[in-house]
Amino acid sequence: MPEQQPGALVVVCYSPAGDALRVVARDAEHADFLLRMNPKRSNYEQ
């Protein structure tokens, strides 16, 4: 896995299984998009 750059914008997204994933966004707009598309949900199907 590549090294994270200093000052990188990192957001926590969630997989369909509910696992938290740290994702590096290109910019603030991309970070907002990632958070909207991959929110933490309380009712994951098992």
N, C-alpha and C. Protein backbone atom coordinates (compact mmCIF):
# COMPACT_ATOMS: atom_id res chain seq x y z
N MET A 1 0.84 -1.17 0.00
CA MET A 1 0.00 0.00 0.00
C MET A 1 0.89 1.24 0.00
N PRO A 2 0.58 2.22 -0.84
CA PRO A 2 1.44 3.42 -0.91
C PRO A 2 1.40 4.23 0.37
N GLU A 3 2.49 4.94 0.60
CA GLU A 3 2.58 5.83 1.77
C GLU A 3 1.62 7.00 1.61
N GLN A 4 1.02 7.42 2.70
CA GLN A 4 0.14 8.58 2.68
C GLN A 4 0.97 9.85 2.65
N GLN A 5 0.61 10.79 1.80
CA GLN A 5 1.33 12.05 1.69
C GLN A 5 1.00 12.95 2.88
N PRO A 6 1.97 13.72 3.38
CA PRO A 6 1.69 14.67 4.45
C PRO A 6 0.64 15.69 3.99
N GLY A 7 -0.31 15.96 4.84
CA GLY A 7 -1.36 16.92 4.52
C GLY A 7 -2.46 16.35 3.64
N ALA A 8 -2.44 15.04 3.38
CA ALA A 8 -3.47 14.44 2.53
C ALA A 8 -4.83 14.54 3.22
N LEU A 9 -5.86 14.69 2.43
CA LEU A 9 -7.22 14.77 2.93
C LEU A 9 -7.78 13.35 2.99
N VAL A 10 -7.91 12.81 4.21
CA VAL A 10 -8.34 11.43 4.40
C VAL A 10 -9.74 11.43 5.00
N VAL A 11 -10.63 10.63 4.40
CA VAL A 11 -11.99 10.49 4.92
C VAL A 11 -12.24 9.03 5.24
N VAL A 12 -13.17 8.78 6.14
CA VAL A 12 -13.55 7.41 6.48
C VAL A 12 -14.83 7.10 5.74
N CYS A 13 -14.76 6.08 4.89
CA CYS A 13 -15.92 5.60 4.15
C CYS A 13 -16.24 4.20 4.68
N TYR A 14 -17.41 3.69 4.32
CA TYR A 14 -17.83 2.39 4.82
C TYR A 14 -18.21 1.48 3.67
N SER A 15 -17.76 0.24 3.76
CA SER A 15 -18.08 -0.76 2.75
C SER A 15 -19.52 -1.23 2.96
N PRO A 16 -20.09 -1.96 1.99
CA PRO A 16 -21.44 -2.49 2.17
C PRO A 16 -21.55 -3.41 3.40
N ALA A 17 -20.45 -4.01 3.81
CA ALA A 17 -20.46 -4.89 4.98
C ALA A 17 -20.31 -4.10 6.29
N GLY A 18 -20.11 -2.78 6.19
CA GLY A 18 -19.99 -1.95 7.38
C GLY A 18 -18.57 -1.73 7.86
N ASP A 19 -17.59 -2.20 7.09
CA ASP A 19 -16.19 -2.01 7.47
C ASP A 19 -15.74 -0.59 7.16
N ALA A 20 -15.02 0.02 8.09
CA ALA A 20 -14.50 1.38 7.88
C ALA A 20 -13.25 1.32 7.01
N LEU A 21 -13.18 2.23 6.03
CA LEU A 21 -12.05 2.31 5.12
C LEU A 21 -11.54 3.74 5.09
N ARG A 22 -10.24 3.91 5.24
CA ARG A 22 -9.64 5.25 5.12
C ARG A 22 -9.31 5.47 3.65
N VAL A 23 -9.84 6.56 3.08
CA VAL A 23 -9.69 6.86 1.66
C VAL A 23 -9.09 8.25 1.51
N VAL A 24 -8.09 8.39 0.64
CA VAL A 24 -7.49 9.69 0.37
C VAL A 24 -8.28 10.36 -0.75
N ALA A 25 -8.79 11.54 -0.46
CA ALA A 25 -9.54 12.32 -1.45
C ALA A 25 -8.60 13.23 -2.21
N ARG A 26 -8.96 13.53 -3.46
CA ARG A 26 -8.15 14.44 -4.30
C ARG A 26 -8.25 15.87 -3.80
N ASP A 27 -9.46 16.24 -3.34
CA ASP A 27 -9.70 17.61 -2.89
C ASP A 27 -10.96 17.61 -2.02
N ALA A 28 -11.36 18.78 -1.53
CA ALA A 28 -12.50 18.88 -0.62
C ALA A 28 -13.79 18.43 -1.29
N GLU A 29 -13.97 18.75 -2.56
CA GLU A 29 -15.18 18.33 -3.27
C GLU A 29 -15.25 16.81 -3.38
N HIS A 30 -14.12 16.18 -3.66
CA HIS A 30 -14.07 14.72 -3.73
C HIS A 30 -14.35 14.10 -2.36
N ALA A 31 -13.83 14.71 -1.30
CA ALA A 31 -14.08 14.22 0.06
C ALA A 31 -15.57 14.27 0.38
N ASP A 32 -16.24 15.38 0.03
CA ASP A 32 -17.68 15.49 0.25
C ASP A 32 -18.43 14.40 -0.50
N PHE A 33 -18.03 14.15 -1.75
CA PHE A 33 -18.66 13.11 -2.57
C PHE A 33 -18.49 11.74 -1.92
N LEU A 34 -17.27 11.43 -1.49
CA LEU A 34 -17.01 10.13 -0.86
C LEU A 34 -17.87 9.93 0.38
N LEU A 35 -18.00 10.96 1.19
CA LEU A 35 -18.80 10.86 2.42
C LEU A 35 -20.28 10.69 2.11
N ARG A 36 -20.76 11.35 1.08
CA ARG A 36 -22.18 11.21 0.70
C ARG A 36 -22.47 9.82 0.14
N MET A 37 -21.55 9.28 -0.63
CA MET A 37 -21.78 8.00 -1.30
C MET A 37 -21.48 6.78 -0.41
N ASN A 38 -20.73 6.98 0.68
CA ASN A 38 -20.31 5.86 1.52
C ASN A 38 -20.53 6.16 3.00
N PRO A 39 -21.76 6.47 3.40
CA PRO A 39 -22.01 6.84 4.80
C PRO A 39 -22.00 5.61 5.71
N LYS A 40 -21.86 5.87 6.99
CA LYS A 40 -22.01 4.80 7.98
C LYS A 40 -23.49 4.56 8.15
N ARG A 41 -23.89 3.32 8.01
CA ARG A 41 -25.30 2.97 8.16
C ARG A 41 -25.47 2.09 9.38
N SER A 42 -26.59 2.22 10.03
CA SER A 42 -26.82 1.44 11.24
C SER A 42 -27.53 0.12 10.95
N ASN A 43 -28.02 -0.05 9.73
CA ASN A 43 -28.82 -1.25 9.44
C ASN A 43 -28.23 -2.08 8.32
N TYR A 44 -26.96 -2.48 8.43
CA TYR A 44 -26.34 -3.33 7.42
C TYR A 44 -27.00 -4.69 7.45
N GLU A 45 -27.26 -5.22 6.25
CA GLU A 45 -27.83 -6.56 6.15
C GLU A 45 -26.72 -7.58 6.33
N GLN A 46 -27.01 -8.64 7.02
CA GLN A 46 -26.01 -9.67 7.29
C GLN A 46 -26.28 -10.88 6.43
